PDB file of all heavy atoms in Angstrom:
ATOM      1  N   SER A   1     -21.745  47.509  -5.257  1.00  0.00           N
ATOM      2  CA  SER A   1     -22.965  46.911  -5.715  1.00  0.00           C
ATOM      3  C   SER A   1     -22.686  46.092  -6.949  1.00  0.00           C
ATOM      4  O   SER A   1     -21.868  46.454  -7.794  1.00  0.00           O
ATOM      5  CB  SER A   1     -23.980  48.089  -6.133  1.00  0.00           C
ATOM      6  OG  SER A   1     -25.022  47.601  -6.867  1.00  0.00           O
ATOM      7  N   ASN A   2     -23.473  45.019  -7.167  1.00  0.00           N
ATOM      8  CA  ASN A   2     -23.399  44.231  -8.383  1.00  0.00           C
ATOM      9  C   ASN A   2     -24.435  44.685  -9.415  1.00  0.00           C
ATOM     10  O   ASN A   2     -24.587  44.033 -10.419  1.00  0.00           O
ATOM     11  CB  ASN A   2     -23.495  42.737  -8.117  1.00  0.00           C
ATOM     12  CG  ASN A   2     -24.907  42.276  -7.801  1.00  0.00           C
ATOM     13  OD1 ASN A   2     -25.858  43.077  -7.642  1.00  0.00           O
ATOM     14  ND2 ASN A   2     -25.116  40.974  -7.675  1.00  0.00           N
ATOM     15  N   SER A   3     -25.099  45.761  -9.082  1.00  0.00           N
ATOM     16  CA  SER A   3     -26.088  46.441  -9.975  1.00  0.00           C
ATOM     17  C   SER A   3     -27.399  45.696 -10.117  1.00  0.00           C
ATOM     18  O   SER A   3     -28.217  46.046 -10.963  1.00  0.00           O
ATOM     19  CB  SER A   3     -25.486  46.729 -11.369  1.00  0.00           C
ATOM     20  OG  SER A   3     -24.378  47.580 -11.227  1.00  0.00           O
ATOM     21  N   ARG A   4     -27.607  44.625  -9.358  1.00  0.00           N
ATOM     22  CA  ARG A   4     -28.855  43.934  -9.339  1.00  0.00           C
ATOM     23  C   ARG A   4     -29.594  44.194  -8.029  1.00  0.00           C
ATOM     24  O   ARG A   4     -28.994  44.026  -6.975  1.00  0.00           O
ATOM     25  CB  ARG A   4     -28.655  42.449  -9.583  1.00  0.00           C
ATOM     26  CG  ARG A   4     -27.988  42.117 -10.966  1.00  0.00           C
ATOM     27  CD  ARG A   4     -27.868  40.619 -11.211  1.00  0.00           C
ATOM     28  NE  ARG A   4     -29.177  40.030 -11.493  1.00  0.00           N
ATOM     29  CZ  ARG A   4     -29.793  40.047 -12.667  1.00  0.00           C
ATOM     30  NH1 ARG A   4     -29.243  40.683 -13.690  1.00  0.00           N
ATOM     31  NH2 ARG A   4     -30.940  39.481 -12.831  1.00  0.00           N
ATOM     32  N   VAL A   5     -30.853  44.497  -8.114  1.00  0.00           N
ATOM     33  CA  VAL A   5     -31.657  44.938  -6.970  1.00  0.00           C
ATOM     34  C   VAL A   5     -33.006  44.325  -6.961  1.00  0.00           C
ATOM     35  O   VAL A   5     -33.736  44.276  -7.958  1.00  0.00           O
ATOM     36  CB  VAL A   5     -31.822  46.531  -6.944  1.00  0.00           C
ATOM     37  CG1 VAL A   5     -32.613  46.946  -5.736  1.00  0.00           C
ATOM     38  CG2 VAL A   5     -30.387  47.169  -6.889  1.00  0.00           C
ATOM     39  N   GLY A   6     -33.425  43.831  -5.784  1.00  0.00           N
ATOM     40  CA  GLY A   6     -34.788  43.339  -5.541  1.00  0.00           C
ATOM     41  C   GLY A   6     -35.487  44.202  -4.605  1.00  0.00           C
ATOM     42  O   GLY A   6     -34.896  45.023  -3.854  1.00  0.00           O
ATOM     43  N   VAL A   7     -36.797  44.075  -4.536  1.00  0.00           N
ATOM     44  CA  VAL A   7     -37.620  44.836  -3.676  1.00  0.00           C
ATOM     45  C   VAL A   7     -38.529  43.882  -2.842  1.00  0.00           C
ATOM     46  O   VAL A   7     -38.928  42.811  -3.379  1.00  0.00           O
ATOM     47  CB  VAL A   7     -38.476  45.876  -4.389  1.00  0.00           C
ATOM     48  CG1 VAL A   7     -39.485  45.242  -5.328  1.00  0.00           C
ATOM     49  CG2 VAL A   7     -39.213  46.833  -3.417  1.00  0.00           C
ATOM     50  N   ILE A   8     -38.810  44.185  -1.594  1.00  0.00           N
ATOM     51  CA  ILE A   8     -39.642  43.351  -0.797  1.00  0.00           C
ATOM     52  C   ILE A   8     -40.448  44.260   0.195  1.00  0.00           C
ATOM     53  O   ILE A   8     -40.006  45.324   0.554  1.00  0.00           O
ATOM     54  CB  ILE A   8     -38.826  42.344   0.032  1.00  0.00           C
ATOM     55  CG1 ILE A   8     -39.737  41.358   0.776  1.00  0.00           C
ATOM     56  CG2 ILE A   8     -37.850  43.009   0.955  1.00  0.00           C
ATOM     57  CD1 ILE A   8     -39.023  40.180   1.419  1.00  0.00           C
ATOM     58  N   GLY A   9     -41.645  43.800   0.543  1.00  0.00           N
ATOM     59  CA  GLY A   9     -42.452  44.451   1.538  1.00  0.00           C
ATOM     60  C   GLY A   9     -43.466  43.538   2.122  1.00  0.00           C
ATOM     61  O   GLY A   9     -43.801  42.514   1.519  1.00  0.00           O
ATOM     62  N   MET A  10     -43.984  43.865   3.287  1.00  0.00           N
ATOM     63  CA  MET A  10     -44.988  43.079   3.943  1.00  0.00           C
ATOM     64  C   MET A  10     -46.213  43.948   4.208  1.00  0.00           C
ATOM     65  O   MET A  10     -46.069  45.180   4.423  1.00  0.00           O
ATOM     66  CB  MET A  10     -44.477  42.588   5.336  1.00  0.00           C
ATOM     67  CG  MET A  10     -43.217  41.755   5.265  1.00  0.00           C
ATOM     68  SD  MET A  10     -41.753  42.768   5.473  1.00  0.00           S
ATOM     69  CE  MET A  10     -40.515  41.596   4.753  1.00  0.00           C
ATOM     70  N   CYS A  11     -47.389  43.322   4.140  1.00  0.00           N
ATOM     71  CA  CYS A  11     -48.638  44.104   4.353  1.00  0.00           C
ATOM     72  C   CYS A  11     -48.734  45.207   3.294  1.00  0.00           C
ATOM     73  O   CYS A  11     -48.625  44.927   2.081  1.00  0.00           O
ATOM     74  CB  CYS A  11     -48.673  44.583   5.775  1.00  0.00           C
ATOM     75  SG  CYS A  11     -50.283  45.294   6.282  1.00  0.00           S
ATOM     76  N   SER A  12     -48.916  46.475   3.726  1.00  0.00           N
ATOM     77  CA  SER A  12     -48.989  47.527   2.761  1.00  0.00           C
ATOM     78  C   SER A  12     -47.691  47.621   1.939  1.00  0.00           C
ATOM     79  O   SER A  12     -47.692  48.005   0.766  1.00  0.00           O
ATOM     80  CB  SER A  12     -49.285  48.888   3.446  1.00  0.00           C
ATOM     81  OG  SER A  12     -48.236  49.230   4.330  1.00  0.00           O
ATOM     82  N   GLY A  13     -46.568  47.223   2.579  1.00  0.00           N
ATOM     83  CA  GLY A  13     -45.317  47.227   1.870  1.00  0.00           C
ATOM     84  C   GLY A  13     -45.296  46.172   0.777  1.00  0.00           C
ATOM     85  O   GLY A  13     -44.596  46.308  -0.237  1.00  0.00           O
ATOM     86  N   GLY A  14     -45.973  45.032   0.997  1.00  0.00           N
ATOM     87  CA  GLY A  14     -46.128  44.019  -0.064  1.00  0.00           C
ATOM     88  C   GLY A  14     -46.884  44.548  -1.268  1.00  0.00           C
ATOM     89  O   GLY A  14     -46.518  44.262  -2.421  1.00  0.00           O
ATOM     90  N   ARG A  15     -47.934  45.280  -0.979  1.00  0.00           N
ATOM     91  CA  ARG A  15     -48.676  45.939  -2.079  1.00  0.00           C
ATOM     92  C   ARG A  15     -47.722  46.862  -2.843  1.00  0.00           C
ATOM     93  O   ARG A  15     -47.681  46.902  -4.078  1.00  0.00           O
ATOM     94  CB  ARG A  15     -49.864  46.720  -1.484  1.00  0.00           C
ATOM     95  CG  ARG A  15     -50.610  47.550  -2.517  1.00  0.00           C
ATOM     96  CD  ARG A  15     -51.723  48.353  -1.823  1.00  0.00           C
ATOM     97  NE  ARG A  15     -52.466  49.155  -2.779  1.00  0.00           N
ATOM     98  CZ  ARG A  15     -52.070  50.377  -3.206  1.00  0.00           C
ATOM     99  NH1 ARG A  15     -50.954  50.897  -2.671  1.00  0.00           N
ATOM    100  NH2 ARG A  15     -52.737  51.073  -4.091  1.00  0.00           N
ATOM    101  N   HIS A  16     -46.965  47.666  -2.067  1.00  0.00           N
ATOM    102  CA  HIS A  16     -46.047  48.634  -2.668  1.00  0.00           C
ATOM    103  C   HIS A  16     -44.952  47.878  -3.484  1.00  0.00           C
ATOM    104  O   HIS A  16     -44.495  48.397  -4.530  1.00  0.00           O
ATOM    105  CB  HIS A  16     -45.414  49.510  -1.650  1.00  0.00           C
ATOM    106  CG  HIS A  16     -46.360  50.557  -1.134  1.00  0.00           C
ATOM    107  ND1 HIS A  16     -46.390  50.926   0.184  1.00  0.00           N
ATOM    108  CD2 HIS A  16     -47.262  51.350  -1.760  1.00  0.00           C
ATOM    109  CE1 HIS A  16     -47.319  51.864   0.374  1.00  0.00           C
ATOM    110  NE2 HIS A  16     -47.869  52.146  -0.814  1.00  0.00           N
ATOM    111  N   ALA A  17     -44.498  46.726  -2.989  1.00  0.00           N
ATOM    112  CA  ALA A  17     -43.443  46.000  -3.711  1.00  0.00           C
ATOM    113  C   ALA A  17     -43.976  45.521  -5.032  1.00  0.00           C
ATOM    114  O   ALA A  17     -43.267  45.577  -6.056  1.00  0.00           O
ATOM    115  CB  ALA A  17     -43.013  44.803  -2.838  1.00  0.00           C
ATOM    116  N   PHE A  18     -45.211  45.025  -5.087  1.00  0.00           N
ATOM    117  CA  PHE A  18     -45.788  44.639  -6.376  1.00  0.00           C
ATOM    118  C   PHE A  18     -45.966  45.841  -7.295  1.00  0.00           C
ATOM    119  O   PHE A  18     -45.617  45.806  -8.458  1.00  0.00           O
ATOM    120  CB  PHE A  18     -47.125  43.935  -6.194  1.00  0.00           C
ATOM    121  CG  PHE A  18     -47.807  43.599  -7.509  1.00  0.00           C
ATOM    122  CD1 PHE A  18     -47.302  42.622  -8.318  1.00  0.00           C
ATOM    123  CD2 PHE A  18     -48.961  44.316  -7.896  1.00  0.00           C
ATOM    124  CE1 PHE A  18     -47.890  42.338  -9.537  1.00  0.00           C
ATOM    125  CE2 PHE A  18     -49.574  44.005  -9.132  1.00  0.00           C
ATOM    126  CZ  PHE A  18     -49.043  42.985  -9.923  1.00  0.00           C
ATOM    127  N   LEU A  19     -46.408  46.951  -6.689  1.00  0.00           N
ATOM    128  CA  LEU A  19     -46.550  48.176  -7.513  1.00  0.00           C
ATOM    129  C   LEU A  19     -45.225  48.645  -8.036  1.00  0.00           C
ATOM    130  O   LEU A  19     -45.131  49.072  -9.238  1.00  0.00           O
ATOM    131  CB  LEU A  19     -47.189  49.252  -6.602  1.00  0.00           C
ATOM    132  CG  LEU A  19     -47.678  50.543  -7.272  1.00  0.00           C
ATOM    133  CD1 LEU A  19     -48.745  50.234  -8.343  1.00  0.00           C
ATOM    134  CD2 LEU A  19     -48.225  51.510  -6.219  1.00  0.00           C
ATOM    135  N   ALA A  20     -44.168  48.514  -7.249  1.00  0.00           N
ATOM    136  CA  ALA A  20     -42.833  48.871  -7.717  1.00  0.00           C
ATOM    137  C   ALA A  20     -42.405  47.996  -8.840  1.00  0.00           C
ATOM    138  O   ALA A  20     -41.796  48.475  -9.824  1.00  0.00           O
ATOM    139  CB  ALA A  20     -41.828  48.818  -6.553  1.00  0.00           C
ATOM    140  N   GLY A  21     -42.655  46.718  -8.806  1.00  0.00           N
ATOM    141  CA  GLY A  21     -42.330  45.813  -9.845  1.00  0.00           C
ATOM    142  C   GLY A  21     -42.987  46.197 -11.164  1.00  0.00           C
ATOM    143  O   GLY A  21     -42.509  45.836 -12.244  1.00  0.00           O
ATOM    144  N   CYS A  22     -44.127  46.839 -11.070  1.00  0.00           N
ATOM    145  CA  CYS A  22     -44.887  47.214 -12.254  1.00  0.00           C
ATOM    146  C   CYS A  22     -44.476  48.643 -12.764  1.00  0.00           C
ATOM    147  O   CYS A  22     -44.720  48.947 -13.948  1.00  0.00           O
ATOM    148  CB  CYS A  22     -46.362  47.248 -11.976  1.00  0.00           C
ATOM    149  SG  CYS A  22     -47.042  45.600 -11.598  1.00  0.00           S
ATOM    150  N   THR A  23     -43.923  49.447 -11.913  1.00  0.00           N
ATOM    151  CA  THR A  23     -43.726  50.920 -12.292  1.00  0.00           C
ATOM    152  C   THR A  23     -42.331  51.395 -12.179  1.00  0.00           C
ATOM    153  O   THR A  23     -41.983  52.436 -12.768  1.00  0.00           O
ATOM    154  CB  THR A  23     -44.663  51.792 -11.482  1.00  0.00           C
ATOM    155  OG1 THR A  23     -44.342  51.689 -10.101  1.00  0.00           O
ATOM    156  CG2 THR A  23     -46.116  51.403 -11.689  1.00  0.00           C
ATOM    157  N   VAL A  24     -41.452  50.757 -11.335  1.00  0.00           N
ATOM    158  CA  VAL A  24     -40.094  51.237 -11.157  1.00  0.00           C
ATOM    159  C   VAL A  24     -39.166  50.419 -12.045  1.00  0.00           C
ATOM    160  O   VAL A  24     -39.056  49.230 -11.899  1.00  0.00           O
ATOM    161  CB  VAL A  24     -39.686  51.103  -9.674  1.00  0.00           C
ATOM    162  CG1 VAL A  24     -38.238  51.484  -9.487  1.00  0.00           C
ATOM    163  CG2 VAL A  24     -40.590  51.951  -8.788  1.00  0.00           C
ATOM    164  N   LYS A  25     -38.527  51.115 -12.991  1.00  0.00           N
ATOM    165  CA  LYS A  25     -37.694  50.411 -13.959  1.00  0.00           C
ATOM    166  C   LYS A  25     -36.314  50.153 -13.323  1.00  0.00           C
ATOM    167  O   LYS A  25     -35.767  50.985 -12.652  1.00  0.00           O
ATOM    168  CB  LYS A  25     -37.552  51.266 -15.214  1.00  0.00           C
ATOM    169  CG  LYS A  25     -38.897  51.565 -15.922  1.00  0.00           C
ATOM    170  CD  LYS A  25     -39.683  50.271 -16.160  1.00  0.00           C
ATOM    171  CE  LYS A  25     -41.037  50.620 -16.825  1.00  0.00           C
ATOM    172  NZ  LYS A  25     -41.827  49.383 -17.024  1.00  0.00           N
ATOM    173  N   GLY A  26     -35.809  48.941 -13.627  1.00  0.00           N
ATOM    174  CA  GLY A  26     -34.455  48.602 -13.219  1.00  0.00           C
ATOM    175  C   GLY A  26     -34.430  47.553 -12.125  1.00  0.00           C
ATOM    176  O   GLY A  26     -33.352  47.116 -11.693  1.00  0.00           O
ATOM    177  N   LEU A  27     -35.586  47.154 -11.617  1.00  0.00           N
ATOM    178  CA  LEU A  27     -35.664  46.138 -10.550  1.00  0.00           C
ATOM    179  C   LEU A  27     -35.460  44.741 -11.203  1.00  0.00           C
ATOM    180  O   LEU A  27     -35.936  44.470 -12.316  1.00  0.00           O
ATOM    181  CB  LEU A  27     -36.948  46.172  -9.822  1.00  0.00           C
ATOM    182  CG  LEU A  27     -37.158  47.422  -8.894  1.00  0.00           C
ATOM    183  CD1 LEU A  27     -38.593  47.470  -8.405  1.00  0.00           C
ATOM    184  CD2 LEU A  27     -36.212  47.368  -7.679  1.00  0.00           C
ATOM    185  N   ASN A  28     -34.821  43.823 -10.467  1.00  0.00           N
ATOM    186  CA  ASN A  28     -34.586  42.495 -10.976  1.00  0.00           C
ATOM    187  C   ASN A  28     -35.463  41.426 -10.349  1.00  0.00           C
ATOM    188  O   ASN A  28     -35.518  40.295 -10.804  1.00  0.00           O
ATOM    189  CB  ASN A  28     -33.121  42.127 -10.778  1.00  0.00           C
ATOM    190  CG  ASN A  28     -32.191  43.101 -11.510  1.00  0.00           C
ATOM    191  OD1 ASN A  28     -31.558  43.949 -10.865  1.00  0.00           O
ATOM    192  ND2 ASN A  28     -32.050  42.945 -12.797  1.00  0.00           N
ATOM    193  N   ALA A  29     -36.141  41.760  -9.235  1.00  0.00           N
ATOM    194  CA  ALA A  29     -36.983  40.799  -8.557  1.00  0.00           C
ATOM    195  C   ALA A  29     -37.874  41.563  -7.578  1.00  0.00           C
ATOM    196  O   ALA A  29     -37.471  42.610  -7.024  1.00  0.00           O
ATOM    197  CB  ALA A  29     -36.181  39.776  -7.842  1.00  0.00           C
ATOM    198  N   ALA A  30     -39.120  41.039  -7.362  1.00  0.00           N
ATOM    199  CA  ALA A  30     -40.044  41.661  -6.401  1.00  0.00           C
ATOM    200  C   ALA A  30     -40.672  40.570  -5.503  1.00  0.00           C
ATOM    201  O   ALA A  30     -41.003  39.477  -6.018  1.00  0.00           O
ATOM    202  CB  ALA A  30     -41.101  42.436  -7.106  1.00  0.00           C
ATOM    203  N   VAL A  31     -40.793  40.894  -4.222  1.00  0.00           N
ATOM    204  CA  VAL A  31     -41.393  39.953  -3.298  1.00  0.00           C
ATOM    205  C   VAL A  31     -42.532  40.604  -2.546  1.00  0.00           C
ATOM    206  O   VAL A  31     -42.330  41.631  -1.908  1.00  0.00           O
ATOM    207  CB  VAL A  31     -40.369  39.433  -2.215  1.00  0.00           C
ATOM    208  CG1 VAL A  31     -41.088  38.453  -1.291  1.00  0.00           C
ATOM    209  CG2 VAL A  31     -39.181  38.761  -2.902  1.00  0.00           C
ATOM    210  N   ASP A  32     -43.717  40.078  -2.725  1.00  0.00           N
ATOM    211  CA  ASP A  32     -44.935  40.552  -2.070  1.00  0.00           C
ATOM    212  C   ASP A  32     -45.279  39.606  -0.987  1.00  0.00           C
ATOM    213  O   ASP A  32     -45.735  38.480  -1.213  1.00  0.00           O
ATOM    214  CB  ASP A  32     -46.073  40.659  -3.138  1.00  0.00           C
ATOM    215  CG  ASP A  32     -47.455  40.861  -2.510  1.00  0.00           C
ATOM    216  OD1 ASP A  32     -47.532  41.128  -1.310  1.00  0.00           O
ATOM    217  OD2 ASP A  32     -48.466  40.808  -3.299  1.00  0.00           O
ATOM    218  N   CYS A  33     -45.130  40.036   0.273  1.00  0.00           N
ATOM    219  CA  CYS A  33     -45.511  39.295   1.454  1.00  0.00           C
ATOM    220  C   CYS A  33     -46.922  39.761   1.937  1.00  0.00           C
ATOM    221  O   CYS A  33     -47.009  40.882   2.462  1.00  0.00           O
ATOM    222  CB  CYS A  33     -44.525  39.386   2.507  1.00  0.00           C
ATOM    223  SG  CYS A  33     -42.897  38.735   2.131  1.00  0.00           S
ATOM    224  N   TRP A  34     -47.963  38.957   1.661  1.00  0.00           N
ATOM    225  CA  TRP A  34     -49.339  39.209   2.101  1.00  0.00           C
ATOM    226  C   TRP A  34     -49.756  40.675   1.872  1.00  0.00           C
ATOM    227  O   TRP A  34     -50.344  41.313   2.757  1.00  0.00           O
ATOM    228  CB  TRP A  34     -49.595  38.817   3.542  1.00  0.00           C
ATOM    229  CG  TRP A  34     -48.548  39.285   4.573  1.00  0.00           C
ATOM    230  CD1 TRP A  34     -48.642  40.417   5.307  1.00  0.00           C
ATOM    231  CD2 TRP A  34     -47.372  38.655   5.009  1.00  0.00           C
ATOM    232  NE1 TRP A  34     -47.577  40.560   6.179  1.00  0.00           N
ATOM    233  CE2 TRP A  34     -46.805  39.464   5.976  1.00  0.00           C
ATOM    234  CE3 TRP A  34     -46.732  37.454   4.693  1.00  0.00           C
ATOM    235  CZ2 TRP A  34     -45.568  39.134   6.620  1.00  0.00           C
ATOM    236  CZ3 TRP A  34     -45.516  37.118   5.306  1.00  0.00           C
ATOM    237  CH2 TRP A  34     -45.003  37.982   6.272  1.00  0.00           C
TER     238      TRP A  34
END
């Protein structure tokens, strides 16, 4: 691992991806798909 991590989700997973960007520390990027 290069220690950099992004999160992505679609539909309810997109909602969760944005929520993770706000609450999970250590993420480097978040993608919310619809």
